[in-house]
Structures are given as C-alpha cells and as structure tokens.
N, C-alpha and C. Protein backbone atom coordinates (compact mmCIF):
# COMPACT_ATOMS: atom_id res chain seq x y z
N UNK A 1 -26.22 -11.72 4.96
CA UNK A 1 -24.99 -11.18 5.57
C UNK A 1 -24.96 -9.67 5.14
N UNK A 2 -24.54 -8.88 6.05
CA UNK A 2 -24.55 -7.39 5.67
C UNK A 2 -23.21 -6.88 6.16
N UNK A 3 -22.67 -6.00 5.24
CA UNK A 3 -21.40 -5.32 5.54
C UNK A 3 -21.65 -3.77 5.46
N UNK A 4 -21.27 -3.08 6.51
CA UNK A 4 -21.16 -1.63 6.45
C UNK A 4 -19.65 -1.27 6.27
N UNK A 5 -19.34 -0.77 5.07
CA UNK A 5 -18.02 -0.49 4.65
C UNK A 5 -17.69 0.93 4.77
N UNK A 6 -16.73 1.30 5.63
CA UNK A 6 -16.31 2.72 5.77
C UNK A 6 -14.94 2.87 5.25
N UNK A 7 -14.75 3.78 4.32
CA UNK A 7 -13.50 4.15 3.77
C UNK A 7 -12.79 5.02 4.86
N UNK A 8 -11.66 4.64 5.31
CA UNK A 8 -11.01 5.30 6.37
C UNK A 8 -9.50 5.77 6.12
N UNK A 9 -9.14 6.84 6.72
CA UNK A 9 -7.78 7.13 6.73
C UNK A 9 -7.04 6.43 7.86
N UNK A 10 -7.75 5.96 8.86
CA UNK A 10 -7.22 5.11 9.91
C UNK A 10 -8.36 4.56 10.68
N UNK A 11 -8.04 3.34 11.35
CA UNK A 11 -9.04 2.72 12.20
C UNK A 11 -8.39 1.83 13.14
N UNK A 12 -9.00 1.60 14.28
CA UNK A 12 -8.45 0.72 15.27
C UNK A 12 -9.57 0.07 16.11
N UNK A 13 -9.14 -1.02 16.77
CA UNK A 13 -9.95 -1.73 17.71
C UNK A 13 -9.23 -2.03 18.98
N UNK A 14 -9.79 -1.72 20.14
CA UNK A 14 -9.25 -1.98 21.41
C UNK A 14 -10.15 -2.87 22.21
N UNK A 15 -9.65 -3.91 22.78
CA UNK A 15 -10.34 -4.76 23.75
C UNK A 15 -9.61 -4.87 25.03
N UNK A 16 -9.89 -4.02 25.87
CA UNK A 16 -9.13 -3.87 27.18
C UNK A 16 -9.07 -5.18 27.93
N UNK A 17 -10.17 -5.90 28.02
CA UNK A 17 -10.19 -7.06 28.88
C UNK A 17 -9.23 -8.11 28.33
N UNK A 18 -8.91 -8.04 27.01
CA UNK A 18 -8.05 -9.04 26.42
C UNK A 18 -6.66 -8.50 26.15
N UNK A 19 -6.46 -7.16 26.55
CA UNK A 19 -5.14 -6.50 26.17
C UNK A 19 -4.82 -6.74 24.66
N UNK A 20 -5.83 -6.39 23.88
CA UNK A 20 -5.80 -6.63 22.40
C UNK A 20 -6.04 -5.30 21.72
N UNK A 21 -5.19 -5.01 20.73
CA UNK A 21 -5.36 -3.84 19.95
C UNK A 21 -4.80 -4.11 18.51
N UNK A 22 -5.57 -3.64 17.54
CA UNK A 22 -5.26 -3.73 16.21
C UNK A 22 -5.53 -2.39 15.50
N UNK A 23 -4.65 -1.97 14.51
CA UNK A 23 -4.76 -0.72 13.95
C UNK A 23 -4.50 -0.78 12.43
N UNK A 24 -5.20 0.02 11.62
CA UNK A 24 -4.92 0.03 10.16
C UNK A 24 -4.75 1.52 9.84
N UNK A 25 -4.14 1.66 8.67
CA UNK A 25 -4.10 3.00 8.06
C UNK A 25 -5.10 3.10 7.01
N UNK A 26 -4.85 3.64 5.91
CA UNK A 26 -5.85 3.80 4.78
C UNK A 26 -6.38 2.47 4.37
N UNK A 27 -7.71 2.50 4.25
CA UNK A 27 -8.46 1.37 3.89
C UNK A 27 -9.87 1.24 4.28
N UNK A 28 -10.35 0.09 4.73
CA UNK A 28 -11.85 -0.05 5.08
C UNK A 28 -11.81 -0.51 6.58
N UNK A 29 -12.83 0.05 7.30
CA UNK A 29 -13.35 -0.69 8.48
C UNK A 29 -14.64 -1.29 7.99
N UNK A 30 -14.76 -2.55 8.23
CA UNK A 30 -15.97 -3.28 7.81
C UNK A 30 -16.65 -3.76 9.04
N UNK A 31 -17.89 -3.36 9.20
CA UNK A 31 -18.82 -3.82 10.35
C UNK A 31 -19.60 -4.98 9.58
N UNK A 32 -19.39 -6.17 10.16
CA UNK A 32 -20.03 -7.47 9.52
C UNK A 32 -21.10 -7.97 10.36
N UNK A 33 -22.29 -8.06 9.87
CA UNK A 33 -23.51 -8.68 10.52
C UNK A 33 -23.82 -9.97 9.80
N UNK A 34 -24.14 -11.00 10.57
CA UNK A 34 -24.54 -12.24 10.04
C UNK A 34 -25.88 -12.69 10.52
N UNK A 35 -26.75 -13.09 9.63
CA UNK A 35 -28.15 -13.38 10.07
C UNK A 35 -28.35 -14.89 9.86
N UNK A 36 -29.49 -15.31 10.49
CA UNK A 36 -29.91 -16.69 10.27
C UNK A 36 -30.16 -16.90 8.79
N UNK A 37 -29.74 -18.05 8.37
CA UNK A 37 -29.92 -18.33 6.92
C UNK A 37 -28.74 -18.03 6.01
N UNK A 38 -27.75 -17.31 6.57
CA UNK A 38 -26.58 -16.95 5.79
C UNK A 38 -25.76 -18.30 5.65
N UNK A 39 -24.94 -18.29 4.55
CA UNK A 39 -24.13 -19.45 4.27
C UNK A 39 -22.68 -19.03 3.88
N UNK A 40 -21.86 -20.04 3.69
CA UNK A 40 -20.51 -19.84 3.32
C UNK A 40 -20.42 -19.06 1.99
N UNK A 41 -21.36 -19.29 1.09
CA UNK A 41 -21.39 -18.59 -0.17
C UNK A 41 -21.62 -17.07 0.09
N UNK A 42 -22.41 -16.65 1.12
CA UNK A 42 -22.61 -15.29 1.40
C UNK A 42 -21.26 -14.64 1.90
N UNK A 43 -20.50 -15.42 2.66
CA UNK A 43 -19.23 -14.94 3.12
C UNK A 43 -18.29 -14.62 1.93
N UNK A 44 -18.22 -15.62 1.10
CA UNK A 44 -17.30 -15.49 -0.04
C UNK A 44 -17.74 -14.32 -1.04
N UNK A 45 -19.07 -14.30 -1.20
CA UNK A 45 -19.62 -13.22 -2.11
C UNK A 45 -19.27 -11.78 -1.58
N UNK A 46 -19.55 -11.68 -0.23
CA UNK A 46 -19.32 -10.31 0.39
C UNK A 46 -17.82 -10.03 0.50
N UNK A 47 -16.99 -10.99 0.78
CA UNK A 47 -15.49 -10.72 0.82
C UNK A 47 -15.01 -10.29 -0.55
N UNK A 48 -15.42 -11.00 -1.55
CA UNK A 48 -15.08 -10.61 -2.88
C UNK A 48 -15.48 -9.22 -3.24
N UNK A 49 -16.74 -8.91 -2.93
CA UNK A 49 -17.32 -7.61 -3.21
C UNK A 49 -16.54 -6.50 -2.44
N UNK A 50 -16.24 -6.73 -1.26
CA UNK A 50 -15.45 -5.66 -0.42
C UNK A 50 -14.10 -5.55 -0.99
N UNK A 51 -13.45 -6.69 -1.31
CA UNK A 51 -12.11 -6.64 -1.74
C UNK A 51 -11.96 -5.75 -3.11
N UNK A 52 -12.95 -5.83 -3.96
CA UNK A 52 -12.91 -5.30 -5.22
C UNK A 52 -13.70 -3.97 -5.37
N UNK A 53 -14.27 -3.52 -4.29
CA UNK A 53 -15.13 -2.24 -4.31
C UNK A 53 -14.26 -1.08 -4.61
N UNK A 54 -14.61 -0.35 -5.71
CA UNK A 54 -13.83 0.80 -6.13
C UNK A 54 -14.35 2.06 -5.62
N UNK A 55 -13.83 2.52 -4.42
CA UNK A 55 -14.31 3.74 -3.83
C UNK A 55 -13.27 4.67 -3.41
N UNK A 56 -11.97 4.33 -3.94
CA UNK A 56 -10.85 5.29 -3.71
C UNK A 56 -10.65 6.14 -4.98
N UNK A 57 -10.21 7.31 -4.70
CA UNK A 57 -10.14 8.27 -5.94
C UNK A 57 -8.92 8.07 -6.76
N UNK A 58 -9.10 8.17 -8.04
CA UNK A 58 -7.97 8.14 -8.90
C UNK A 58 -7.47 9.56 -9.27
N UNK A 59 -6.59 9.73 -10.18
CA UNK A 59 -6.03 11.04 -10.37
C UNK A 59 -6.98 12.14 -10.80
N UNK A 60 -8.13 11.67 -11.38
CA UNK A 60 -9.10 12.59 -11.76
C UNK A 60 -10.21 12.77 -10.65
N UNK A 61 -9.85 12.32 -9.44
CA UNK A 61 -10.71 12.48 -8.36
C UNK A 61 -12.11 11.72 -8.49
N UNK A 62 -12.00 10.64 -9.15
CA UNK A 62 -13.23 9.73 -9.34
C UNK A 62 -13.02 8.55 -8.54
N UNK A 63 -14.08 8.13 -7.92
CA UNK A 63 -14.02 6.84 -7.06
C UNK A 63 -13.86 5.68 -8.16
N UNK A 64 -12.55 5.25 -8.29
CA UNK A 64 -12.30 4.25 -9.39
C UNK A 64 -11.32 3.21 -8.98
N UNK A 65 -10.79 3.33 -7.77
CA UNK A 65 -9.65 2.43 -7.37
C UNK A 65 -10.14 1.55 -6.24
N UNK A 66 -9.61 0.36 -6.19
CA UNK A 66 -9.97 -0.63 -5.10
C UNK A 66 -8.85 -0.66 -4.03
N UNK A 67 -9.17 -1.37 -3.01
CA UNK A 67 -8.11 -1.57 -1.89
C UNK A 67 -6.72 -2.07 -2.49
N UNK A 68 -6.79 -2.98 -3.42
CA UNK A 68 -5.59 -3.47 -4.02
C UNK A 68 -4.84 -2.25 -4.73
N UNK A 69 -5.59 -1.51 -5.44
CA UNK A 69 -4.92 -0.36 -6.19
C UNK A 69 -4.24 0.58 -5.33
N UNK A 70 -4.72 0.83 -4.07
CA UNK A 70 -4.15 1.79 -3.16
C UNK A 70 -3.33 1.25 -2.01
N UNK A 71 -3.08 -0.09 -2.08
CA UNK A 71 -2.39 -0.83 -1.05
C UNK A 71 -2.98 -0.62 0.29
N UNK A 72 -4.39 -0.75 0.26
CA UNK A 72 -5.16 -0.51 1.54
C UNK A 72 -5.21 -1.71 2.38
N UNK A 73 -5.64 -1.35 3.70
CA UNK A 73 -5.82 -2.33 4.73
C UNK A 73 -7.22 -2.52 5.08
N UNK A 74 -7.59 -3.55 5.87
CA UNK A 74 -9.01 -3.81 6.22
C UNK A 74 -8.98 -4.13 7.75
N UNK A 75 -9.93 -3.67 8.46
CA UNK A 75 -10.20 -4.00 9.84
C UNK A 75 -11.72 -4.49 9.92
N UNK A 76 -11.82 -5.78 10.23
CA UNK A 76 -13.19 -6.41 10.22
C UNK A 76 -13.64 -6.56 11.68
N UNK A 77 -14.84 -6.09 11.89
CA UNK A 77 -15.50 -6.08 13.21
C UNK A 77 -16.83 -6.78 13.10
N UNK A 78 -16.99 -7.85 13.96
CA UNK A 78 -18.32 -8.42 13.99
C UNK A 78 -19.37 -7.57 14.70
N UNK A 79 -20.58 -7.45 14.09
CA UNK A 79 -21.52 -6.44 14.61
C UNK A 79 -22.87 -7.10 14.45
N UNK A 80 -23.49 -7.87 15.42
CA UNK A 80 -24.76 -8.55 15.30
C UNK A 80 -25.77 -7.50 15.31
N UNK A 81 -25.54 -6.26 15.94
CA UNK A 81 -26.62 -5.23 15.98
C UNK A 81 -26.98 -4.69 14.63
N UNK A 82 -26.31 -5.05 13.59
CA UNK A 82 -26.74 -4.69 12.26
C UNK A 82 -28.09 -5.25 11.81
N UNK A 83 -28.44 -6.44 12.60
CA UNK A 83 -29.69 -7.04 12.28
C UNK A 83 -30.71 -6.78 13.43
N UNK A 84 -30.46 -5.72 14.15
CA UNK A 84 -31.47 -5.26 15.18
C UNK A 84 -32.68 -4.69 14.48
N UNK A 85 -33.91 -5.14 14.96
CA UNK A 85 -35.09 -4.63 14.34
C UNK A 85 -35.82 -3.82 15.43
N UNK A 86 -35.99 -2.53 15.15
CA UNK A 86 -36.67 -1.66 16.02
C UNK A 86 -38.01 -1.15 15.46
N UNK A 87 -38.58 -1.85 14.54
CA UNK A 87 -39.83 -1.41 13.92
C UNK A 87 -41.00 -1.32 14.97
N UNK A 88 -40.98 -2.18 15.99
CA UNK A 88 -42.01 -2.13 17.00
C UNK A 88 -41.36 -1.94 18.34
N UNK A 89 -41.90 -0.93 19.09
CA UNK A 89 -41.31 -0.58 20.29
C UNK A 89 -40.01 0.14 20.21
N UNK A 90 -39.38 0.31 21.33
CA UNK A 90 -38.12 1.05 21.39
C UNK A 90 -36.87 0.23 21.65
N UNK A 91 -37.07 -1.00 21.95
CA UNK A 91 -35.94 -1.86 22.32
C UNK A 91 -35.85 -2.82 21.11
N UNK A 92 -34.69 -2.83 20.40
CA UNK A 92 -34.52 -3.64 19.19
C UNK A 92 -34.55 -5.10 19.53
N UNK A 93 -35.11 -5.90 18.61
CA UNK A 93 -35.04 -7.33 18.67
C UNK A 93 -33.95 -7.82 17.74
N UNK A 94 -33.24 -8.78 18.23
CA UNK A 94 -32.12 -9.34 17.49
C UNK A 94 -32.33 -10.74 17.04
N UNK A 95 -33.62 -11.06 16.79
CA UNK A 95 -33.97 -12.43 16.41
C UNK A 95 -33.29 -12.96 15.10
N UNK A 96 -33.18 -11.93 14.15
CA UNK A 96 -32.55 -12.24 12.93
C UNK A 96 -31.08 -12.51 12.89
N UNK A 97 -30.46 -12.02 13.93
CA UNK A 97 -28.91 -12.16 14.01
C UNK A 97 -28.59 -13.67 14.29
N UNK A 98 -27.67 -14.20 13.59
CA UNK A 98 -27.26 -15.55 13.80
C UNK A 98 -26.57 -15.74 15.12
N UNK A 99 -26.83 -16.90 15.71
CA UNK A 99 -26.20 -17.28 16.95
C UNK A 99 -24.71 -17.55 16.70
N UNK A 100 -23.86 -17.48 17.69
CA UNK A 100 -22.36 -17.65 17.59
C UNK A 100 -22.03 -18.93 16.87
N UNK A 101 -22.66 -20.07 17.17
CA UNK A 101 -22.34 -21.30 16.51
C UNK A 101 -22.41 -21.28 15.04
N UNK A 102 -23.33 -20.50 14.55
CA UNK A 102 -23.47 -20.26 13.15
C UNK A 102 -22.59 -19.14 12.62
N UNK A 103 -22.59 -17.99 13.33
CA UNK A 103 -21.97 -16.76 12.86
C UNK A 103 -20.40 -16.87 12.89
N UNK A 104 -19.81 -17.46 13.92
CA UNK A 104 -18.42 -17.50 14.07
C UNK A 104 -17.71 -18.10 12.77
N UNK A 105 -18.21 -19.32 12.36
CA UNK A 105 -17.51 -19.84 11.16
C UNK A 105 -17.66 -18.98 9.91
N UNK A 106 -18.82 -18.29 9.83
CA UNK A 106 -19.00 -17.44 8.67
C UNK A 106 -18.20 -16.19 8.74
N UNK A 107 -18.04 -15.60 9.88
CA UNK A 107 -17.18 -14.50 10.15
C UNK A 107 -15.67 -14.92 9.90
N UNK A 108 -15.27 -16.04 10.33
CA UNK A 108 -13.95 -16.52 10.01
C UNK A 108 -13.73 -16.79 8.48
N UNK A 109 -14.70 -17.33 7.87
CA UNK A 109 -14.63 -17.58 6.49
C UNK A 109 -14.47 -16.25 5.66
N UNK A 110 -15.25 -15.22 6.08
CA UNK A 110 -15.09 -13.83 5.48
C UNK A 110 -13.72 -13.39 5.60
N UNK A 111 -13.16 -13.47 6.87
CA UNK A 111 -11.75 -12.93 7.13
C UNK A 111 -10.76 -13.79 6.24
N UNK A 112 -10.89 -15.13 6.19
CA UNK A 112 -10.04 -15.93 5.50
C UNK A 112 -10.01 -15.55 4.01
N UNK A 113 -11.20 -15.31 3.39
CA UNK A 113 -11.30 -14.94 1.97
C UNK A 113 -10.72 -13.61 1.81
N UNK A 114 -10.91 -12.63 2.63
CA UNK A 114 -10.34 -11.31 2.53
C UNK A 114 -8.83 -11.48 2.53
N UNK A 115 -8.18 -12.32 3.30
CA UNK A 115 -6.73 -12.58 3.34
C UNK A 115 -6.33 -13.14 2.13
N UNK A 116 -7.08 -13.96 1.60
CA UNK A 116 -6.65 -14.59 0.26
C UNK A 116 -6.64 -13.55 -0.77
N UNK A 117 -7.67 -12.67 -0.80
CA UNK A 117 -7.84 -11.59 -1.85
C UNK A 117 -6.74 -10.50 -1.65
N UNK A 118 -6.39 -10.11 -0.35
CA UNK A 118 -5.60 -9.00 -0.14
C UNK A 118 -4.18 -9.27 0.40
N UNK A 119 -3.99 -10.38 0.97
CA UNK A 119 -2.81 -10.79 1.74
C UNK A 119 -3.08 -10.72 3.25
N UNK A 120 -2.44 -11.63 3.94
CA UNK A 120 -2.65 -11.88 5.42
C UNK A 120 -2.26 -10.54 6.17
N UNK A 121 -1.24 -9.88 5.71
CA UNK A 121 -0.76 -8.72 6.46
C UNK A 121 -1.67 -7.43 6.35
N UNK A 122 -2.63 -7.54 5.39
CA UNK A 122 -3.47 -6.40 5.08
C UNK A 122 -4.90 -6.52 5.82
N UNK A 123 -5.17 -7.62 6.41
CA UNK A 123 -6.38 -7.76 7.12
C UNK A 123 -6.31 -8.00 8.57
N UNK A 124 -6.96 -7.16 9.34
CA UNK A 124 -6.91 -7.26 10.81
C UNK A 124 -8.35 -7.42 11.21
N UNK A 125 -8.52 -7.91 12.46
CA UNK A 125 -9.87 -8.17 12.93
C UNK A 125 -10.07 -7.98 14.44
N UNK A 126 -11.25 -7.69 14.85
CA UNK A 126 -11.65 -7.66 16.25
C UNK A 126 -11.78 -9.12 16.77
N UNK A 127 -12.28 -9.21 17.90
CA UNK A 127 -12.57 -10.57 18.49
C UNK A 127 -14.12 -10.76 18.52
N UNK A 128 -14.61 -11.77 17.91
CA UNK A 128 -16.09 -12.03 17.77
C UNK A 128 -16.70 -11.97 19.24
N UNK A 129 -17.77 -11.23 19.40
CA UNK A 129 -18.50 -11.27 20.59
C UNK A 129 -17.97 -10.46 21.73
N UNK A 130 -16.70 -9.85 21.57
CA UNK A 130 -16.10 -9.11 22.58
C UNK A 130 -16.67 -7.66 22.68
N UNK A 131 -16.61 -7.09 23.77
CA UNK A 131 -17.01 -5.61 23.94
C UNK A 131 -15.74 -4.83 23.40
N UNK A 132 -15.93 -4.12 22.35
CA UNK A 132 -14.78 -3.45 21.69
C UNK A 132 -14.91 -1.88 21.65
N UNK A 133 -13.87 -1.20 21.69
CA UNK A 133 -13.80 0.23 21.41
C UNK A 133 -13.27 0.25 19.96
N UNK A 134 -14.03 0.86 19.08
CA UNK A 134 -13.65 0.92 17.60
C UNK A 134 -13.51 2.44 17.31
N UNK A 135 -12.36 2.73 16.82
CA UNK A 135 -12.17 4.19 16.34
C UNK A 135 -12.07 4.16 14.77
N UNK A 136 -12.82 5.05 14.23
CA UNK A 136 -12.84 5.19 12.80
C UNK A 136 -12.70 6.66 12.42
N UNK A 137 -11.72 6.89 11.51
CA UNK A 137 -11.57 8.18 10.95
C UNK A 137 -12.02 8.09 9.45
N UNK A 138 -13.35 8.37 9.31
CA UNK A 138 -14.03 8.11 8.05
C UNK A 138 -13.38 9.13 7.08
N UNK A 139 -13.04 8.56 5.94
CA UNK A 139 -12.49 9.39 4.80
C UNK A 139 -13.47 9.75 3.73
N UNK A 140 -13.87 10.94 3.69
CA UNK A 140 -14.86 11.39 2.68
C UNK A 140 -15.95 12.25 3.21
N UNK A 141 -16.90 11.77 3.99
CA UNK A 141 -17.03 10.39 4.43
C UNK A 141 -17.58 9.49 3.26
N UNK A 142 -17.07 8.30 3.28
CA UNK A 142 -17.62 7.36 2.30
C UNK A 142 -18.09 6.05 3.17
N UNK A 143 -19.33 5.73 3.09
CA UNK A 143 -19.89 4.58 3.68
C UNK A 143 -20.79 3.86 2.73
N UNK A 144 -20.54 2.58 2.48
CA UNK A 144 -21.30 1.73 1.58
C UNK A 144 -21.87 0.56 2.40
N UNK A 145 -23.10 0.25 2.13
CA UNK A 145 -23.75 -0.91 2.76
C UNK A 145 -24.05 -1.97 1.69
N UNK A 146 -23.51 -3.16 1.86
CA UNK A 146 -23.85 -4.28 0.99
C UNK A 146 -24.47 -5.45 1.73
N UNK A 147 -25.54 -5.94 1.15
CA UNK A 147 -26.19 -7.07 1.67
C UNK A 147 -26.05 -8.30 0.74
N UNK A 148 -25.70 -9.46 1.17
CA UNK A 148 -25.44 -10.58 0.34
C UNK A 148 -26.70 -11.12 -0.30
N UNK A 149 -27.82 -10.78 0.17
CA UNK A 149 -29.09 -11.30 -0.35
C UNK A 149 -29.56 -10.57 -1.54
C-alpha cells in the first residue's frame, strides 16, 4: 500500500456525477494506492503513520508537529494509478493495482483507522473508483511518500 501525503492549506474533491463535494482546510490530502498482496495490517500501519507524521512547523519553524498537534484535517482519495508501471512502453500497466473487491475493504479500513486516530469530523474522503476533480493547495510544498512494505 502506498500513500502520497501532501501537506495542504486546503483541499477538496468534487464528483459532479454524484453531486458530491468534500473540503478540508489545513491538513493532508492523501492519495492512497492499494496493490495486490496488501492486507488489513498495511492499512492500519499506513493510517497510524499518516496520523502521526510530524511535518507541520513548530515555533522554531522545524517540522515537528503532527495533524493532532495542529488540529488538522485529512482528505483521502483512492488512486490506483500510483501502481502504474511505465517501465516498458508508453502506456502504463496497472497489473499491480488491486482489484476493487480487494482494494475497497482496505481503503475503508484505512479511513476507519484514520477516524479512530483523529476523530470522525477530521477525516473526509472521495468515492472509490469515481472520476474526481481534486484541488490541492500544497503548503510548503511538502509531499511525503510512504509505502507499507
């Protein structure tokens, strides 16, 4: 399982076909990719890592504070293209990306664990598999990639 974590001053997701919109202020937009072989343990590990990641600046301007410390929010977006392989040819292969029957429960477990760690009201999400417009105002910019393996 892979997470691309972007520290943001704001972020939002819009799904026009569903009349669905979610928005956060200061926090993380997390692009979450799930691959074949990932497990519930990967979801829990990654959610705990993201919840406790210290990339917000303290009074000395050092990245030393976590989401909890800054009362931050999270927007989680499913992103199977994180496992796109473009080593050969110009069209990526997505063979490593988990199929929805495996990926959806792990995506939901990740979100559930984030809510346990941060509180229900602090965690928003897109809709798995939907075509989404994601807006990110990257703060820093700070982008961290974590792989559960």
